[in-house]
Amino acid sequence: MVLATMFFFILMLCINEWLFSYGELVPGINWIYLPAGVRLLSTLLFGGAGALGLLIVSWLVSFCYFFPHDFMRAFAGGIVATVAPYGVYLVAQRAYGLRSSLSNLTSARLLICIIAASLASPLLHHIWFAIYEPPRPLLKSFLVMAAGDLNGTLLVVYAAKLMLSLLSRRRTD
């Protein structure tokens, strides 16, 4: 589960860089950010193992790709990128009594989780930016990151949902 999370995160990051690099405001803040969908999906599907995979891969890409010359930003960014979706998962688990099969995760609840994760990650990142980085226009980057996380998460989660429904139809035919 840890390795699957890491693989799909890197795969989505590569696809994101290939398809949507033109929409990058600053490194890691895009109008469409597919890895955000992997963050939520991996925590919903794998719980703590997904969060561990996210932490490892987030540190890997932060230290080696996004911020190789900024230890604090890479270190904190990896933690924030993991805490936000895992926190949404924990809240959803408590609020909805999520089963490990996710059989009681309705479409409405899933959409609430998507919106919550798309706001939680940018909020935590921008709290960090406000503390650590010199003053900069945080509102614009927050709005772009929230929109990018929402767009990316919607694309990834509903693509996965479509694939699962197609697979279940093939099994019944």
C-alpha atoms as a PDB file:
ATOM      1  CA  MET A   1       0.000   0.000   0.000  1.00  0.00           C
ATOM      2  CA  VAL A   2       2.888   2.330   0.808  1.00  0.00           C
ATOM      3  CA  LEU A   3       4.631   1.531  -2.477  1.00  0.00           C
ATOM      4  CA  ALA A   4       1.380   1.740  -4.469  1.00  0.00           C
ATOM      5  CA  THR A   5       0.762   5.207  -3.027  1.00  0.00           C
ATOM      6  CA  MET A   6       4.282   6.300  -3.905  1.00  0.00           C
ATOM      7  CA  PHE A   7       4.040   4.888  -7.435  1.00  0.00           C
ATOM      8  CA  PHE A   8       0.696   6.524  -8.234  1.00  0.00           C
ATOM      9  CA  PHE A   9       1.746   9.833  -6.721  1.00  0.00           C
ATOM     10  CA  ILE A  10       4.874   9.980  -8.886  1.00  0.00           C
ATOM     11  CA  LEU A  11       2.883   8.814 -11.918  1.00  0.00           C
ATOM     12  CA  MET A  12       0.311  11.585 -11.411  1.00  0.00           C
ATOM     13  CA  LEU A  13       3.064  14.136 -10.789  1.00  0.00           C
ATOM     14  CA  CYS A  14       4.738  13.182 -14.083  1.00  0.00           C
ATOM     15  CA  ILE A  15       1.427  13.327 -15.958  1.00  0.00           C
ATOM     16  CA  ASN A  16       0.654  16.644 -14.294  1.00  0.00           C
ATOM     17  CA  GLU A  17       4.029  18.089 -15.298  1.00  0.00           C
ATOM     18  CA  TRP A  18       3.578  16.815 -18.842  1.00  0.00           C
ATOM     19  CA  LEU A  19      -0.004  18.041 -19.365  1.00  0.00           C
ATOM     20  CA  PHE A  20      -0.374  21.035 -17.072  1.00  0.00           C
ATOM     21  CA  SER A  21       3.048  22.617 -16.506  1.00  0.00           C
ATOM     22  CA  TYR A  22       1.848  25.700 -18.394  1.00  0.00           C
ATOM     23  CA  GLY A  23      -0.609  26.351 -15.565  1.00  0.00           C
ATOM     24  CA  GLU A  24       1.967  26.540 -12.813  1.00  0.00           C
ATOM     25  CA  LEU A  25       1.856  29.695 -10.711  1.00  0.00           C
ATOM     26  CA  VAL A  26       4.995  28.741  -8.740  1.00  0.00           C
ATOM     27  CA  PRO A  27       6.647  25.320  -8.222  1.00  0.00           C
ATOM     28  CA  GLY A  28       4.000  23.005  -6.779  1.00  0.00           C
ATOM     29  CA  ILE A  29       1.033  25.370  -7.231  1.00  0.00           C
ATOM     30  CA  ASN A  30      -0.953  24.597 -10.377  1.00  0.00           C
ATOM     31  CA  TRP A  31      -4.460  25.263 -11.661  1.00  0.00           C
ATOM     32  CA  ILE A  32      -4.779  21.477 -12.011  1.00  0.00           C
ATOM     33  CA  TYR A  33      -2.794  19.314  -9.599  1.00  0.00           C
ATOM     34  CA  LEU A  34      -3.439  15.588 -10.081  1.00  0.00           C
ATOM     35  CA  PRO A  35      -1.257  14.419  -7.149  1.00  0.00           C
ATOM     36  CA  ALA A  36      -3.806  16.029  -4.804  1.00  0.00           C
ATOM     37  CA  GLY A  37      -6.253  13.362  -5.929  1.00  0.00           C
ATOM     38  CA  VAL A  38      -3.760  10.625  -5.092  1.00  0.00           C
ATOM     39  CA  ARG A  39      -3.313  12.158  -1.641  1.00  0.00           C
ATOM     40  CA  LEU A  40      -7.002  11.854  -0.822  1.00  0.00           C
ATOM     41  CA  LEU A  41      -7.544   8.526  -2.577  1.00  0.00           C
ATOM     42  CA  SER A  42      -4.563   6.854  -0.903  1.00  0.00           C
ATOM     43  CA  THR A  43      -5.632   7.933   2.575  1.00  0.00           C
ATOM     44  CA  LEU A  44      -9.245   6.882   1.968  1.00  0.00           C
ATOM     45  CA  LEU A  45      -8.215   3.501   0.563  1.00  0.00           C
ATOM     46  CA  PHE A  46      -5.140   2.681   2.667  1.00  0.00           C
ATOM     47  CA  GLY A  47      -5.453   4.803   5.837  1.00  0.00           C
ATOM     48  CA  GLY A  48      -2.183   5.052   7.743  1.00  0.00           C
ATOM     49  CA  ALA A  49      -0.231   3.073   5.140  1.00  0.00           C
ATOM     50  CA  GLY A  50      -1.350   5.562   2.485  1.00  0.00           C
ATOM     51  CA  ALA A  51      -0.299   8.437   4.727  1.00  0.00           C
ATOM     52  CA  LEU A  52       3.126   6.864   5.242  1.00  0.00           C
ATOM     53  CA  GLY A  53       3.536   6.432   1.487  1.00  0.00           C
ATOM     54  CA  LEU A  54       2.507  10.056   0.999  1.00  0.00           C
ATOM     55  CA  LEU A  55       5.002  11.285   3.549  1.00  0.00           C
ATOM     56  CA  ILE A  56       7.868   9.375   1.972  1.00  0.00           C
ATOM     57  CA  VAL A  57       7.024  10.370  -1.611  1.00  0.00           C
ATOM     58  CA  SER A  58       6.267  13.974  -0.626  1.00  0.00           C
ATOM     59  CA  TRP A  59       9.668  14.262   0.991  1.00  0.00           C
ATOM     60  CA  LEU A  60      11.252  12.583  -2.019  1.00  0.00           C
ATOM     61  CA  VAL A  61       9.789  15.015  -4.551  1.00  0.00           C
ATOM     62  CA  SER A  62      10.178  18.019  -2.253  1.00  0.00           C
ATOM     63  CA  PHE A  63      13.852  17.382  -1.503  1.00  0.00           C
ATOM     64  CA  CYS A  64      14.839  16.154  -4.965  1.00  0.00           C
ATOM     65  CA  TYR A  65      12.585  18.098  -7.333  1.00  0.00           C
ATOM     66  CA  PHE A  66      10.655  21.088  -5.991  1.00  0.00           C
ATOM     67  CA  PHE A  67      12.944  22.522  -3.301  1.00  0.00           C
ATOM     68  CA  PRO A  68      16.362  20.831  -3.370  1.00  0.00           C
ATOM     69  CA  HIS A  69      18.059  23.907  -1.914  1.00  0.00           C
ATOM     70  CA  ASP A  70      15.533  24.681   0.823  1.00  0.00           C
ATOM     71  CA  PHE A  71      15.611  22.013   3.542  1.00  0.00           C
ATOM     72  CA  MET A  72      12.955  23.590   5.768  1.00  0.00           C
ATOM     73  CA  ARG A  73      10.450  24.117   2.959  1.00  0.00           C
ATOM     74  CA  ALA A  74      10.966  20.581   1.631  1.00  0.00           C
ATOM     75  CA  PHE A  75      10.722  19.035   5.101  1.00  0.00           C
ATOM     76  CA  ALA A  76       7.659  20.985   6.209  1.00  0.00           C
ATOM     77  CA  GLY A  77       6.022  20.703   2.788  1.00  0.00           C
ATOM     78  CA  GLY A  78       6.177  16.913   2.938  1.00  0.00           C
ATOM     79  CA  ILE A  79       4.569  16.874   6.359  1.00  0.00           C
ATOM     80  CA  VAL A  80       1.831  19.352   5.426  1.00  0.00           C
ATOM     81  CA  ALA A  81       1.087  17.498   2.177  1.00  0.00           C
ATOM     82  CA  THR A  82       0.490  14.361   4.269  1.00  0.00           C
ATOM     83  CA  VAL A  83      -1.256  15.757   7.339  1.00  0.00           C
ATOM     84  CA  ALA A  84      -4.009  17.533   5.382  1.00  0.00           C
ATOM     85  CA  PRO A  85      -5.474  14.553   3.467  1.00  0.00           C
ATOM     86  CA  TYR A  86      -4.904  12.164   6.362  1.00  0.00           C
ATOM     87  CA  GLY A  87      -6.666  14.607   8.682  1.00  0.00           C
ATOM     88  CA  VAL A  88      -9.620  14.760   6.287  1.00  0.00           C
ATOM     89  CA  TYR A  89      -9.695  10.959   6.250  1.00  0.00           C
ATOM     90  CA  LEU A  90      -9.678  10.797  10.072  1.00  0.00           C
ATOM     91  CA  VAL A  91     -12.467  13.377  10.352  1.00  0.00           C
ATOM     92  CA  ALA A  92     -14.521  11.544   7.702  1.00  0.00           C
ATOM     93  CA  GLN A  93     -13.894   8.234   9.435  1.00  0.00           C
ATOM     94  CA  ARG A  94     -15.206   9.636  12.701  1.00  0.00           C
ATOM     95  CA  ALA A  95     -18.083  11.640  11.204  1.00  0.00           C
ATOM     96  CA  TYR A  96     -19.299   8.982   8.770  1.00  0.00           C
ATOM     97  CA  GLY A  97     -18.121   5.800  10.458  1.00  0.00           C
ATOM     98  CA  LEU A  98     -16.234   4.879   7.293  1.00  0.00           C
ATOM     99  CA  ARG A  99     -15.710   1.183   6.828  1.00  0.00           C
ATOM    100  CA  SER A 100     -12.430  -0.063   5.419  1.00  0.00           C
ATOM    101  CA  SER A 101     -14.354  -1.130   2.303  1.00  0.00           C
ATOM    102  CA  LEU A 102     -15.663   2.447   1.952  1.00  0.00           C
ATOM    103  CA  SER A 103     -19.072   0.909   1.223  1.00  0.00           C
ATOM    104  CA  ASN A 104     -20.781   3.664   3.200  1.00  0.00           C
ATOM    105  CA  LEU A 105     -18.942   6.505   1.440  1.00  0.00           C
ATOM    106  CA  THR A 106     -21.765   7.986  -0.580  1.00  0.00           C
ATOM    107  CA  SER A 107     -21.243  10.311  -3.535  1.00  0.00           C
ATOM    108  CA  ALA A 108     -22.225  13.293  -1.386  1.00  0.00           C
ATOM    109  CA  ARG A 109     -19.799  12.302   1.377  1.00  0.00           C
ATOM    110  CA  LEU A 110     -17.046  11.736  -1.168  1.00  0.00           C
ATOM    111  CA  LEU A 111     -17.622  15.200  -2.605  1.00  0.00           C
ATOM    112  CA  ILE A 112     -17.426  16.684   0.909  1.00  0.00           C
ATOM    113  CA  CYS A 113     -14.110  14.858   1.444  1.00  0.00           C
ATOM    114  CA  ILE A 114     -12.816  16.171  -1.890  1.00  0.00           C
ATOM    115  CA  ILE A 115     -13.734  19.762  -1.035  1.00  0.00           C
ATOM    116  CA  ALA A 116     -12.353  19.453   2.500  1.00  0.00           C
ATOM    117  CA  ALA A 117      -9.026  18.050   1.269  1.00  0.00           C
ATOM    118  CA  SER A 118      -8.857  20.707  -1.452  1.00  0.00           C
ATOM    119  CA  LEU A 119      -9.121  23.404   1.202  1.00  0.00           C
ATOM    120  CA  ALA A 120      -7.153  21.769   4.037  1.00  0.00           C
ATOM    121  CA  SER A 121      -3.929  21.284   2.112  1.00  0.00           C
ATOM    122  CA  PRO A 122      -3.702  24.842   0.734  1.00  0.00           C
ATOM    123  CA  LEU A 123      -4.697  26.240   4.129  1.00  0.00           C
ATOM    124  CA  LEU A 124      -1.959  24.341   5.982  1.00  0.00           C
ATOM    125  CA  HIS A 125       0.590  25.116   3.266  1.00  0.00           C
ATOM    126  CA  HIS A 126      -0.235  28.815   3.414  1.00  0.00           C
ATOM    127  CA  ILE A 127      -0.075  28.943   7.187  1.00  0.00           C
ATOM    128  CA  TRP A 128       3.433  27.539   6.778  1.00  0.00           C
ATOM    129  CA  PHE A 129       4.232  30.074   4.037  1.00  0.00           C
ATOM    130  CA  ALA A 130       3.023  32.934   6.258  1.00  0.00           C
ATOM    131  CA  ILE A 131       5.315  31.800   9.080  1.00  0.00           C
ATOM    132  CA  TYR A 132       8.393  30.684   7.159  1.00  0.00           C
ATOM    133  CA  GLU A 133       8.609  32.694   3.961  1.00  0.00           C
ATOM    134  CA  PRO A 134       8.997  36.406   3.493  1.00  0.00           C
ATOM    135  CA  PRO A 135       5.799  38.332   2.829  1.00  0.00           C
ATOM    136  CA  ARG A 136       4.200  37.597  -0.518  1.00  0.00           C
ATOM    137  CA  PRO A 137       0.686  37.704  -1.916  1.00  0.00           C
ATOM    138  CA  LEU A 138      -0.713  34.640  -0.157  1.00  0.00           C
ATOM    139  CA  LEU A 139      -4.342  35.032  -1.216  1.00  0.00           C
ATOM    140  CA  LYS A 140      -3.642  34.515  -4.920  1.00  0.00           C
ATOM    141  CA  SER A 141      -1.463  31.446  -4.367  1.00  0.00           C
ATOM    142  CA  PHE A 142      -4.000  30.029  -1.869  1.00  0.00           C
ATOM    143  CA  LEU A 143      -6.836  30.405  -4.373  1.00  0.00           C
ATOM    144  CA  VAL A 144      -4.801  28.837  -7.203  1.00  0.00           C
ATOM    145  CA  MET A 145      -3.658  25.964  -4.989  1.00  0.00           C
ATOM    146  CA  ALA A 146      -7.208  25.314  -3.741  1.00  0.00           C
ATOM    147  CA  ALA A 147      -8.569  25.389  -7.298  1.00  0.00           C
ATOM    148  CA  GLY A 148      -5.753  23.163  -8.543  1.00  0.00           C
ATOM    149  CA  ASP A 149      -6.215  20.662  -5.729  1.00  0.00           C
ATOM    150  CA  LEU A 150      -9.975  20.614  -6.315  1.00  0.00           C
ATOM    151  CA  ASN A 151      -9.616  20.184 -10.088  1.00  0.00           C
ATOM    152  CA  GLY A 152      -6.938  17.511  -9.754  1.00  0.00           C
ATOM    153  CA  THR A 153      -8.772  15.625  -7.033  1.00  0.00           C
ATOM    154  CA  LEU A 154     -12.033  15.631  -8.967  1.00  0.00           C
ATOM    155  CA  LEU A 155     -10.260  14.302 -12.060  1.00  0.00           C
ATOM    156  CA  VAL A 156      -8.366  11.543 -10.244  1.00  0.00           C
ATOM    157  CA  VAL A 157     -11.156  10.408  -7.913  1.00  0.00           C
ATOM    158  CA  TYR A 158     -13.861  10.328 -10.565  1.00  0.00           C
ATOM    159  CA  ALA A 159     -11.523   8.644 -13.068  1.00  0.00           C
ATOM    160  CA  ALA A 160     -10.884   5.950 -10.449  1.00  0.00           C
ATOM    161  CA  LYS A 161     -14.621   5.691  -9.769  1.00  0.00           C
ATOM    162  CA  LEU A 162     -15.308   5.306 -13.491  1.00  0.00           C
ATOM    163  CA  MET A 163     -12.630   2.622 -13.845  1.00  0.00           C
ATOM    164  CA  LEU A 164     -14.064   0.692 -10.900  1.00  0.00           C
ATOM    165  CA  SER A 165     -17.587   0.834 -12.305  1.00  0.00           C
ATOM    166  CA  LEU A 166     -16.341  -0.346 -15.711  1.00  0.00           C
ATOM    167  CA  LEU A 167     -14.485  -3.237 -14.061  1.00  0.00           C
ATOM    168  CA  SER A 168     -17.556  -4.260 -12.074  1.00  0.00           C
ATOM    169  CA  ARG A 169     -19.687  -4.210 -15.256  1.00  0.00           C
ATOM    170  CA  ARG A 170     -17.184  -6.473 -17.034  1.00  0.00           C
ATOM    171  CA  ARG A 171     -17.387  -8.950 -14.165  1.00  0.00           C
ATOM    172  CA  THR A 172     -21.187  -9.106 -14.322  1.00  0.00           C
ATOM    173  CA  ASP A 173     -21.269  -9.601 -18.118  1.00  0.00           C
END
